[in-house]
Amino acid sequence: MITEIAEIAVKAGTDQQFEAAVAMAAPLFERARGCRSMRLERGIEQPDTYLLIVEWETLENHEVDFRQSADFQEWRHLVGDFFASPPKVIHTRKALTGF
């Protein structure tokens, strides 16, 4: 399994609208090939910064299947206007499980 972590800085004062748009977009992820889960977390020290965390079965499910789909275009249409800058995206694989 692969975890996508997207750091998203939103324009000041648009937090509620952004969160509502992500909620509207959740079905796009639910039906995406290989998507196991998604969640949105909000920064405490930097409340205009969010982490979108999506678990994919494979990297290709995100980079090819989702990113080249009409649903990805719809995702960007729903949330893109709230971005203060382009999201920073990394992919991780579990290295160690602790507590």
PDB file of N, CA and C in Angstrom:
ATOM      1  N   MET A   1       0.840  -1.174   0.000  1.00  0.00           N
ATOM      2  CA  MET A   1       0.000   0.000   0.000  1.00  0.00           C
ATOM      3  C   MET A   1       0.889   1.241   0.000  1.00  0.00           C
ATOM      4  N   ILE A   2       0.408   2.280  -0.666  1.00  0.00           N
ATOM      5  CA  ILE A   2       1.103   3.552  -0.811  1.00  0.00           C
ATOM      6  C   ILE A   2       0.247   4.642  -0.165  1.00  0.00           C
ATOM      7  N   THR A   3       0.895   5.548   0.548  1.00  0.00           N
ATOM      8  CA  THR A   3       0.180   6.685   1.116  1.00  0.00           C
ATOM      9  C   THR A   3       0.605   7.947   0.391  1.00  0.00           C
ATOM     10  N   GLU A   4      -0.365   8.647  -0.124  1.00  0.00           N
ATOM     11  CA  GLU A   4      -0.149   9.963  -0.738  1.00  0.00           C
ATOM     12  C   GLU A   4      -0.392  10.998   0.347  1.00  0.00           C
ATOM     13  N   ILE A   5       0.548  11.902   0.515  1.00  0.00           N
ATOM     14  CA  ILE A   5       0.387  13.002   1.467  1.00  0.00           C
ATOM     15  C   ILE A   5       0.545  14.303   0.682  1.00  0.00           C
ATOM     16  N   ALA A   6      -0.543  15.040   0.594  1.00  0.00           N
ATOM     17  CA  ALA A   6      -0.525  16.314  -0.128  1.00  0.00           C
ATOM     18  C   ALA A   6      -0.655  17.443   0.878  1.00  0.00           C
ATOM     19  N   GLU A   7       0.358  18.300   0.930  1.00  0.00           N
ATOM     20  CA  GLU A   7       0.299  19.488   1.777  1.00  0.00           C
ATOM     21  C   GLU A   7      -0.327  20.599   0.953  1.00  0.00           C
ATOM     22  N   ILE A   8      -1.448  21.100   1.443  1.00  0.00           N
ATOM     23  CA  ILE A   8      -2.222  22.092   0.694  1.00  0.00           C
ATOM     24  C   ILE A   8      -2.360  23.360   1.520  1.00  0.00           C
ATOM     25  N   ALA A   9      -1.812  24.446   1.014  1.00  0.00           N
ATOM     26  CA  ALA A   9      -1.988  25.766   1.628  1.00  0.00           C
ATOM     27  C   ALA A   9      -3.170  26.431   0.941  1.00  0.00           C
ATOM     28  N   VAL A  10      -4.147  26.859   1.740  1.00  0.00           N
ATOM     29  CA  VAL A  10      -5.323  27.511   1.161  1.00  0.00           C
ATOM     30  C   VAL A  10      -5.268  29.011   1.409  1.00  0.00           C
ATOM     31  N   LYS A  11      -5.972  29.730   0.575  1.00  0.00           N
ATOM     32  CA  LYS A  11      -6.045  31.186   0.721  1.00  0.00           C
ATOM     33  C   LYS A  11      -6.714  31.523   2.053  1.00  0.00           C
ATOM     34  N   ALA A  12      -6.199  32.538   2.713  1.00  0.00           N
ATOM     35  CA  ALA A  12      -6.743  32.963   4.005  1.00  0.00           C
ATOM     36  C   ALA A  12      -8.238  33.234   3.895  1.00  0.00           C
ATOM     37  N   GLY A  13      -8.973  32.758   4.884  1.00  0.00           N
ATOM     38  CA  GLY A  13     -10.415  33.007   4.926  1.00  0.00           C
ATOM     39  C   GLY A  13     -11.258  32.063   4.100  1.00  0.00           C
ATOM     40  N   THR A  14     -10.638  31.073   3.446  1.00  0.00           N
ATOM     41  CA  THR A  14     -11.410  30.154   2.603  1.00  0.00           C
ATOM     42  C   THR A  14     -11.498  28.750   3.205  1.00  0.00           C
ATOM     43  N   ASP A  15     -11.104  28.607   4.466  1.00  0.00           N
ATOM     44  CA  ASP A  15     -11.032  27.285   5.076  1.00  0.00           C
ATOM     45  C   ASP A  15     -12.363  26.542   5.068  1.00  0.00           C
ATOM     46  N   GLN A  16     -13.443  27.188   5.433  1.00  0.00           N
ATOM     47  CA  GLN A  16     -14.741  26.505   5.477  1.00  0.00           C
ATOM     48  C   GLN A  16     -15.202  26.077   4.081  1.00  0.00           C
ATOM     49  N   GLN A  17     -15.005  26.949   3.110  1.00  0.00           N
ATOM     50  CA  GLN A  17     -15.388  26.606   1.736  1.00  0.00           C
ATOM     51  C   GLN A  17     -14.523  25.473   1.198  1.00  0.00           C
ATOM     52  N   PHE A  18     -13.233  25.502   1.527  1.00  0.00           N
ATOM     53  CA  PHE A  18     -12.336  24.438   1.083  1.00  0.00           C
ATOM     54  C   PHE A  18     -12.761  23.105   1.685  1.00  0.00           C
ATOM     55  N   GLU A  19     -13.016  23.079   2.980  1.00  0.00           N
ATOM     56  CA  GLU A  19     -13.428  21.838   3.625  1.00  0.00           C
ATOM     57  C   GLU A  19     -14.732  21.310   3.032  1.00  0.00           C
ATOM     58  N   ALA A  20     -15.659  22.204   2.728  1.00  0.00           N
ATOM     59  CA  ALA A  20     -16.921  21.788   2.105  1.00  0.00           C
ATOM     60  C   ALA A  20     -16.680  21.208   0.712  1.00  0.00           C
ATOM     61  N   ALA A  21     -15.769  21.816  -0.029  1.00  0.00           N
ATOM     62  CA  ALA A  21     -15.450  21.324  -1.377  1.00  0.00           C
ATOM     63  C   ALA A  21     -14.790  19.944  -1.312  1.00  0.00           C
ATOM     64  N   VAL A  22     -13.911  19.733  -0.340  1.00  0.00           N
ATOM     65  CA  VAL A  22     -13.284  18.415  -0.184  1.00  0.00           C
ATOM     66  C   VAL A  22     -14.345  17.382   0.177  1.00  0.00           C
ATOM     67  N   ALA A  23     -15.280  17.738   1.033  1.00  0.00           N
ATOM     68  CA  ALA A  23     -16.368  16.817   1.374  1.00  0.00           C
ATOM     69  C   ALA A  23     -17.183  16.455   0.128  1.00  0.00           C
ATOM     70  N   MET A  24     -17.434  17.433  -0.726  1.00  0.00           N
ATOM     71  CA  MET A  24     -18.157  17.165  -1.971  1.00  0.00           C
ATOM     72  C   MET A  24     -17.355  16.251  -2.896  1.00  0.00           C
ATOM     73  N   ALA A  25     -16.033  16.351  -2.820  1.00  0.00           N
ATOM     74  CA  ALA A  25     -15.160  15.566  -3.693  1.00  0.00           C
ATOM     75  C   ALA A  25     -14.898  14.160  -3.176  1.00  0.00           C
ATOM     76  N   ALA A  26     -15.250  13.873  -1.937  1.00  0.00           N
ATOM     77  CA  ALA A  26     -14.954  12.563  -1.352  1.00  0.00           C
ATOM     78  C   ALA A  26     -15.419  11.385  -2.220  1.00  0.00           C
ATOM     79  N   PRO A  27     -16.605  11.445  -2.839  1.00  0.00           N
ATOM     80  CA  PRO A  27     -17.026  10.326  -3.687  1.00  0.00           C
ATOM     81  C   PRO A  27     -16.092  10.063  -4.874  1.00  0.00           C
ATOM     82  N   LEU A  28     -15.380  11.088  -5.321  1.00  0.00           N
ATOM     83  CA  LEU A  28     -14.424  10.899  -6.423  1.00  0.00           C
ATOM     84  C   LEU A  28     -13.317   9.940  -5.992  1.00  0.00           C
ATOM     85  N   PHE A  29     -12.894  10.059  -4.747  1.00  0.00           N
ATOM     86  CA  PHE A  29     -11.871   9.162  -4.214  1.00  0.00           C
ATOM     87  C   PHE A  29     -12.458   7.789  -3.904  1.00  0.00           C
ATOM     88  N   GLU A  30     -13.670   7.771  -3.348  1.00  0.00           N
ATOM     89  CA  GLU A  30     -14.310   6.502  -2.996  1.00  0.00           C
ATOM     90  C   GLU A  30     -14.415   5.569  -4.192  1.00  0.00           C
ATOM     91  N   ARG A  31     -14.690   6.129  -5.356  1.00  0.00           N
ATOM     92  CA  ARG A  31     -14.861   5.278  -6.535  1.00  0.00           C
ATOM     93  C   ARG A  31     -13.584   5.102  -7.357  1.00  0.00           C
ATOM     94  N   ALA A  32     -12.504   5.757  -6.950  1.00  0.00           N
ATOM     95  CA  ALA A  32     -11.249   5.668  -7.698  1.00  0.00           C
ATOM     96  C   ALA A  32     -10.644   4.272  -7.570  1.00  0.00           C
ATOM     97  N   ARG A  33     -10.133   3.778  -8.651  1.00  0.00           N
ATOM     98  CA  ARG A  33      -9.497   2.463  -8.664  1.00  0.00           C
ATOM     99  C   ARG A  33      -8.325   2.442  -7.680  1.00  0.00           C
ATOM    100  N   GLY A  34      -8.351   1.480  -6.772  1.00  0.00           N
ATOM    101  CA  GLY A  34      -7.247   1.291  -5.844  1.00  0.00           C
ATOM    102  C   GLY A  34      -7.224   2.215  -4.646  1.00  0.00           C
ATOM    103  N   CYS A  35      -8.206   3.100  -4.505  1.00  0.00           N
ATOM    104  CA  CYS A  35      -8.232   4.002  -3.351  1.00  0.00           C
ATOM    105  C   CYS A  35      -8.853   3.268  -2.169  1.00  0.00           C
ATOM    106  N   ARG A  36      -8.116   3.223  -1.074  1.00  0.00           N
ATOM    107  CA  ARG A  36      -8.594   2.540   0.127  1.00  0.00           C
ATOM    108  C   ARG A  36      -9.181   3.490   1.156  1.00  0.00           C
ATOM    109  N   SER A  37      -8.650   4.698   1.231  1.00  0.00           N
ATOM    110  CA  SER A  37      -9.182   5.670   2.188  1.00  0.00           C
ATOM    111  C   SER A  37      -8.650   7.056   1.855  1.00  0.00           C
ATOM    112  N   MET A  38      -9.331   8.056   2.383  1.00  0.00           N
ATOM    113  CA  MET A  38      -8.840   9.429   2.287  1.00  0.00           C
ATOM    114  C   MET A  38      -9.316  10.181   3.505  1.00  0.00           C
ATOM    115  N   ARG A  39      -8.491  11.133   3.924  1.00  0.00           N
ATOM    116  CA  ARG A  39      -8.892  12.007   5.027  1.00  0.00           C
ATOM    117  C   ARG A  39      -8.192  13.350   4.855  1.00  0.00           C
ATOM    118  N   LEU A  40      -8.773  14.345   5.482  1.00  0.00           N
ATOM    119  CA  LEU A  40      -8.219  15.693   5.440  1.00  0.00           C
ATOM    120  C   LEU A  40      -7.922  16.115   6.868  1.00  0.00           C
ATOM    121  N   GLU A  41      -6.705  16.589   7.098  1.00  0.00           N
ATOM    122  CA  GLU A  41      -6.308  17.079   8.409  1.00  0.00           C
ATOM    123  C   GLU A  41      -5.903  18.537   8.288  1.00  0.00           C
ATOM    124  N   ARG A  42      -6.216  19.301   9.328  1.00  0.00           N
ATOM    125  CA  ARG A  42      -5.923  20.732   9.320  1.00  0.00           C
ATOM    126  C   ARG A  42      -4.810  21.043  10.309  1.00  0.00           C
ATOM    127  N   GLY A  43      -3.890  21.904   9.897  1.00  0.00           N
ATOM    128  CA  GLY A  43      -2.793  22.298  10.765  1.00  0.00           C
ATOM    129  C   GLY A  43      -3.271  23.086  11.966  1.00  0.00           C
ATOM    130  N   ILE A  44      -2.593  22.884  13.075  1.00  0.00           N
ATOM    131  CA  ILE A  44      -2.898  23.641  14.287  1.00  0.00           C
ATOM    132  C   ILE A  44      -2.075  24.918  14.310  1.00  0.00           C
ATOM    133  N   GLU A  45      -0.752  24.787  14.159  1.00  0.00           N
ATOM    134  CA  GLU A  45       0.101  25.969  14.151  1.00  0.00           C
ATOM    135  C   GLU A  45      -0.110  26.816  12.900  1.00  0.00           C
ATOM    136  N   GLN A  46      -0.436  26.165  11.804  1.00  0.00           N
ATOM    137  CA  GLN A  46      -0.693  26.860  10.534  1.00  0.00           C
ATOM    138  C   GLN A  46      -2.077  26.442  10.037  1.00  0.00           C
ATOM    139  N   PRO A  47      -3.138  27.087  10.519  1.00  0.00           N
ATOM    140  CA  PRO A  47      -4.497  26.644  10.197  1.00  0.00           C
ATOM    141  C   PRO A  47      -4.901  26.778   8.733  1.00  0.00           C
ATOM    142  N   ASP A  48      -4.121  27.488   7.944  1.00  0.00           N
ATOM    143  CA  ASP A  48      -4.407  27.567   6.508  1.00  0.00           C
ATOM    144  C   ASP A  48      -3.693  26.466   5.733  1.00  0.00           C
ATOM    145  N   THR A  49      -3.078  25.530   6.451  1.00  0.00           N
ATOM    146  CA  THR A  49      -2.386  24.401   5.819  1.00  0.00           C
ATOM    147  C   THR A  49      -3.092  23.103   6.181  1.00  0.00           C
ATOM    148  N   TYR A  50      -3.354  22.321   5.154  1.00  0.00           N
ATOM    149  CA  TYR A  50      -4.042  21.040   5.311  1.00  0.00           C
ATOM    150  C   TYR A  50      -3.155  19.920   4.798  1.00  0.00           C
ATOM    151  N   LEU A  51      -3.407  18.721   5.297  1.00  0.00           N
ATOM    152  CA  LEU A  51      -2.820  17.509   4.743  1.00  0.00           C
ATOM    153  C   LEU A  51      -3.955  16.644   4.232  1.00  0.00           C
ATOM    154  N   LEU A  52      -3.906  16.336   2.949  1.00  0.00           N
ATOM    155  CA  LEU A  52      -4.818  15.361   2.358  1.00  0.00           C
ATOM    156  C   LEU A  52      -4.050  14.048   2.337  1.00  0.00           C
ATOM    157  N   ILE A  53      -4.579  13.051   3.014  1.00  0.00           N
ATOM    158  CA  ILE A  53      -3.892  11.772   3.144  1.00  0.00           C
ATOM    159  C   ILE A  53      -4.761  10.700   2.492  1.00  0.00           C
ATOM    160  N   VAL A  54      -4.212  10.092   1.447  1.00  0.00           N
ATOM    161  CA  VAL A  54      -4.964   9.100   0.672  1.00  0.00           C
ATOM    162  C   VAL A  54      -4.153   7.816   0.607  1.00  0.00           C
ATOM    163  N   GLU A  55      -4.797   6.710   0.913  1.00  0.00           N
ATOM    164  CA  GLU A  55      -4.140   5.409   0.811  1.00  0.00           C
ATOM    165  C   GLU A  55      -4.564   4.748  -0.492  1.00  0.00           C
ATOM    166  N   TRP A  56      -3.554   4.332  -1.256  1.00  0.00           N
ATOM    167  CA  TRP A  56      -3.751   3.687  -2.554  1.00  0.00           C
ATOM    168  C   TRP A  56      -3.143   2.285  -2.510  1.00  0.00           C
ATOM    169  N   GLU A  57      -3.731   1.379  -3.280  1.00  0.00           N
ATOM    170  CA  GLU A  57      -3.161   0.031  -3.376  1.00  0.00           C
ATOM    171  C   GLU A  57      -1.789   0.078  -4.035  1.00  0.00           C
ATOM    172  N   THR A  58      -1.648   0.896  -5.092  1.00  0.00           N
ATOM    173  CA  THR A  58      -0.375   1.017  -5.805  1.00  0.00           C
ATOM    174  C   THR A  58      -0.122   2.476  -6.158  1.00  0.00           C
ATOM    175  N   LEU A  59       1.109   2.800  -6.443  1.00  0.00           N
ATOM    176  CA  LEU A  59       1.456   4.141  -6.907  1.00  0.00           C
ATOM    177  C   LEU A  59       0.757   4.448  -8.229  1.00  0.00           C
ATOM    178  N   GLU A  60       0.670   3.451  -9.086  1.00  0.00           N
ATOM    179  CA  GLU A  60       0.020   3.633 -10.390  1.00  0.00           C
ATOM    180  C   GLU A  60      -1.459   3.985 -10.235  1.00  0.00           C
ATOM    181  N   ASN A  61      -2.113   3.444  -9.193  1.00  0.00           N
ATOM    182  CA  ASN A  61      -3.517   3.794  -8.974  1.00  0.00           C
ATOM    183  C   ASN A  61      -3.678   5.296  -8.787  1.00  0.00           C
ATOM    184  N   HIS A  62      -2.714   5.933  -8.139  1.00  0.00           N
ATOM    185  CA  HIS A  62      -2.790   7.381  -7.966  1.00  0.00           C
ATOM    186  C   HIS A  62      -2.275   8.115  -9.193  1.00  0.00           C
ATOM    187  N   GLU A  63      -1.035   7.808  -9.569  1.00  0.00           N
ATOM    188  CA  GLU A  63      -0.351   8.577 -10.600  1.00  0.00           C
ATOM    189  C   GLU A  63      -0.929   8.391 -12.004  1.00  0.00           C
ATOM    190  N   VAL A  64      -1.463   7.221 -12.282  1.00  0.00           N
ATOM    191  CA  VAL A  64      -1.992   6.947 -13.620  1.00  0.00           C
ATOM    192  C   VAL A  64      -3.519   6.899 -13.601  1.00  0.00           C
ATOM    193  N   ASP A  65      -4.065   5.939 -12.851  1.00  0.00           N
ATOM    194  CA  ASP A  65      -5.515   5.726 -12.883  1.00  0.00           C
ATOM    195  C   ASP A  65      -6.298   6.965 -12.442  1.00  0.00           C
ATOM    196  N   PHE A  66      -5.913   7.563 -11.327  1.00  0.00           N
ATOM    197  CA  PHE A  66      -6.666   8.723 -10.836  1.00  0.00           C
ATOM    198  C   PHE A  66      -6.254  10.010 -11.532  1.00  0.00           C
ATOM    199  N   ARG A  67      -4.966  10.260 -11.599  1.00  0.00           N
ATOM    200  CA  ARG A  67      -4.507  11.545 -12.146  1.00  0.00           C
ATOM    201  C   ARG A  67      -4.867  11.740 -13.618  1.00  0.00           C
ATOM    202  N   GLN A  68      -5.068  10.667 -14.338  1.00  0.00           N
ATOM    203  CA  GLN A  68      -5.422  10.785 -15.759  1.00  0.00           C
ATOM    204  C   GLN A  68      -6.923  10.623 -15.994  1.00  0.00           C
ATOM    205  N   SER A  69      -7.696  10.708 -14.922  1.00  0.00           N
ATOM    206  CA  SER A  69      -9.146  10.493 -15.034  1.00  0.00           C
ATOM    207  C   SER A  69      -9.914  11.815 -15.043  1.00  0.00           C
ATOM    208  N   ALA A  70     -11.156  11.719 -15.489  1.00  0.00           N
ATOM    209  CA  ALA A  70     -12.056  12.873 -15.423  1.00  0.00           C
ATOM    210  C   ALA A  70     -12.344  13.241 -13.973  1.00  0.00           C
ATOM    211  N   ASP A  71     -12.314  12.253 -13.071  1.00  0.00           N
ATOM    212  CA  ASP A  71     -12.556  12.537 -11.659  1.00  0.00           C
ATOM    213  C   ASP A  71     -11.453  13.422 -11.073  1.00  0.00           C
ATOM    214  N   PHE A  72     -10.220  13.256 -11.523  1.00  0.00           N
ATOM    215  CA  PHE A  72      -9.147  14.138 -11.053  1.00  0.00           C
ATOM    216  C   PHE A  72      -9.403  15.563 -11.522  1.00  0.00           C
ATOM    217  N   GLN A  73      -9.845  15.710 -12.755  1.00  0.00           N
ATOM    218  CA  GLN A  73     -10.174  17.045 -13.263  1.00  0.00           C
ATOM    219  C   GLN A  73     -11.300  17.675 -12.446  1.00  0.00           C
ATOM    220  N   GLU A  74     -12.275  16.861 -12.065  1.00  0.00           N
ATOM    221  CA  GLU A  74     -13.377  17.359 -11.238  1.00  0.00           C
ATOM    222  C   GLU A  74     -12.875  17.754  -9.845  1.00  0.00           C
ATOM    223  N   TRP A  75     -11.960  16.959  -9.277  1.00  0.00           N
ATOM    224  CA  TRP A  75     -11.336  17.282  -7.991  1.00  0.00           C
ATOM    225  C   TRP A  75     -10.689  18.659  -8.054  1.00  0.00           C
ATOM    226  N   ARG A  76      -9.881  18.875  -9.077  1.00  0.00           N
ATOM    227  CA  ARG A  76      -9.193  20.166  -9.208  1.00  0.00           C
ATOM    228  C   ARG A  76     -10.183  21.301  -9.437  1.00  0.00           C
ATOM    229  N   HIS A  77     -11.251  21.029 -10.156  1.00  0.00           N
ATOM    230  CA  HIS A  77     -12.282  22.045 -10.386  1.00  0.00           C
ATOM    231  C   HIS A  77     -12.946  22.451  -9.062  1.00  0.00           C
ATOM    232  N   LEU A  78     -13.212  21.460  -8.208  1.00  0.00           N
ATOM    233  CA  LEU A  78     -13.873  21.727  -6.935  1.00  0.00           C
ATOM    234  C   LEU A  78     -12.985  22.473  -5.942  1.00  0.00           C
ATOM    235  N   VAL A  79     -11.700  22.136  -5.895  1.00  0.00           N
ATOM    236  CA  VAL A  79     -10.839  22.672  -4.830  1.00  0.00           C
ATOM    237  C   VAL A  79      -9.745  23.626  -5.306  1.00  0.00           C
ATOM    238  N   GLY A  80      -9.423  23.614  -6.565  1.00  0.00           N
ATOM    239  CA  GLY A  80      -8.271  24.355  -7.072  1.00  0.00           C
ATOM    240  C   GLY A  80      -8.275  25.842  -6.809  1.00  0.00           C
ATOM    241  N   ASP A  81      -9.434  26.477  -6.815  1.00  0.00           N
ATOM    242  CA  ASP A  81      -9.496  27.924  -6.601  1.00  0.00           C
ATOM    243  C   ASP A  81      -9.128  28.324  -5.176  1.00  0.00           C
ATOM    244  N   PHE A  82      -9.113  27.368  -4.259  1.00  0.00           N
ATOM    245  CA  PHE A  82      -8.784  27.664  -2.863  1.00  0.00           C
ATOM    246  C   PHE A  82      -7.283  27.580  -2.580  1.00  0.00           C
ATOM    247  N   PHE A  83      -6.521  26.997  -3.501  1.00  0.00           N
ATOM    248  CA  PHE A  83      -5.084  26.811  -3.282  1.00  0.00           C
ATOM    249  C   PHE A  83      -4.357  28.153  -3.285  1.00  0.00           C
ATOM    250  N   ALA A  84      -3.547  28.377  -2.248  1.00  0.00           N
ATOM    251  CA  ALA A  84      -2.697  29.560  -2.208  1.00  0.00           C
ATOM    252  C   ALA A  84      -1.438  29.341  -3.040  1.00  0.00           C
ATOM    253  N   SER A  85      -1.059  28.075  -3.206  1.00  0.00           N
ATOM    254  CA  SER A  85       0.101  27.673  -4.003  1.00  0.00           C
ATOM    255  C   SER A  85      -0.124  26.221  -4.409  1.00  0.00           C
ATOM    256  N   PRO A  86       0.639  25.731  -5.377  1.00  0.00           N
ATOM    257  CA  PRO A  86       0.453  24.331  -5.775  1.00  0.00           C
ATOM    258  C   PRO A  86       0.725  23.382  -4.599  1.00  0.00           C
ATOM    259  N   PRO A  87      -0.099  22.343  -4.444  1.00  0.00           N
ATOM    260  CA  PRO A  87       0.133  21.376  -3.370  1.00  0.00           C
ATOM    261  C   PRO A  87       1.484  20.683  -3.523  1.00  0.00           C
ATOM    262  N   LYS A  88       2.057  20.324  -2.381  1.00  0.00           N
ATOM    263  CA  LYS A  88       3.294  19.533  -2.365  1.00  0.00           C
ATOM    264  C   LYS A  88       2.878  18.101  -2.061  1.00  0.00           C
ATOM    265  N   VAL A  89       3.211  17.179  -2.960  1.00  0.00           N
ATOM    266  CA  VAL A  89       2.766  15.793  -2.825  1.00  0.00           C
ATOM    267  C   VAL A  89       3.962  14.862  -2.686  1.00  0.00           C
ATOM    268  N   ILE A  90       3.879  13.982  -1.701  1.00  0.00           N
ATOM    269  CA  ILE A  90       4.858  12.909  -1.574  1.00  0.00           C
ATOM    270  C   ILE A  90       4.101  11.596  -1.428  1.00  0.00           C
ATOM    271  N   HIS A  91       4.784  10.513  -1.751  1.00  0.00           N
ATOM    272  CA  HIS A  91       4.239   9.174  -1.576  1.00  0.00           C
ATOM    273  C   HIS A  91       5.132   8.433  -0.592  1.00  0.00           C
ATOM    274  N   THR A  92       4.505   7.694   0.319  1.00  0.00           N
ATOM    275  CA  THR A  92       5.263   6.948   1.313  1.00  0.00           C
ATOM    276  C   THR A  92       4.811   5.495   1.346  1.00  0.00           C
ATOM    277  N   ARG A  93       5.683   4.684   1.895  1.00  0.00           N
ATOM    278  CA  ARG A  93       5.378   3.287   2.145  1.00  0.00           C
ATOM    279  C   ARG A  93       5.745   3.019   3.590  1.00  0.00           C
ATOM    280  N   LYS A  94       4.917   2.275   4.296  1.00  0.00           N
ATOM    281  CA  LYS A  94       5.171   2.006   5.721  1.00  0.00           C
ATOM    282  C   LYS A  94       6.518   1.339   5.904  1.00  0.00           C
ATOM    283  N   ALA A  95       7.317   1.899   6.795  1.00  0.00           N
ATOM    284  CA  ALA A  95       8.645   1.369   7.077  1.00  0.00           C
ATOM    285  C   ALA A  95       8.689   0.678   8.433  1.00  0.00           C
ATOM    286  N   LEU A  96       7.854   1.114   9.357  1.00  0.00           N
ATOM    287  CA  LEU A  96       7.881   0.571  10.713  1.00  0.00           C
ATOM    288  C   LEU A  96       6.545   0.841  11.373  1.00  0.00           C
ATOM    289  N   THR A  97       6.055  -0.111  12.105  1.00  0.00           N
ATOM    290  CA  THR A  97       4.831   0.083  12.882  1.00  0.00           C
ATOM    291  C   THR A  97       5.187   0.075  14.352  1.00  0.00           C
ATOM    292  N   GLY A  98       4.732   1.061  15.079  1.00  0.00           N
ATOM    293  CA  GLY A  98       5.009   1.164  16.508  1.00  0.00           C
ATOM    294  C   GLY A  98       3.737   0.987  17.306  1.00  0.00           C
ATOM    295  N   PHE A  99       3.543   1.866  18.238  1.00  0.00           N
ATOM    296  CA  PHE A  99       2.410   1.778  19.147  1.00  0.00           C
ATOM    297  C   PHE A  99       1.112   1.839  18.418  1.00  0.00           C
TER     298      PHE A  99
END
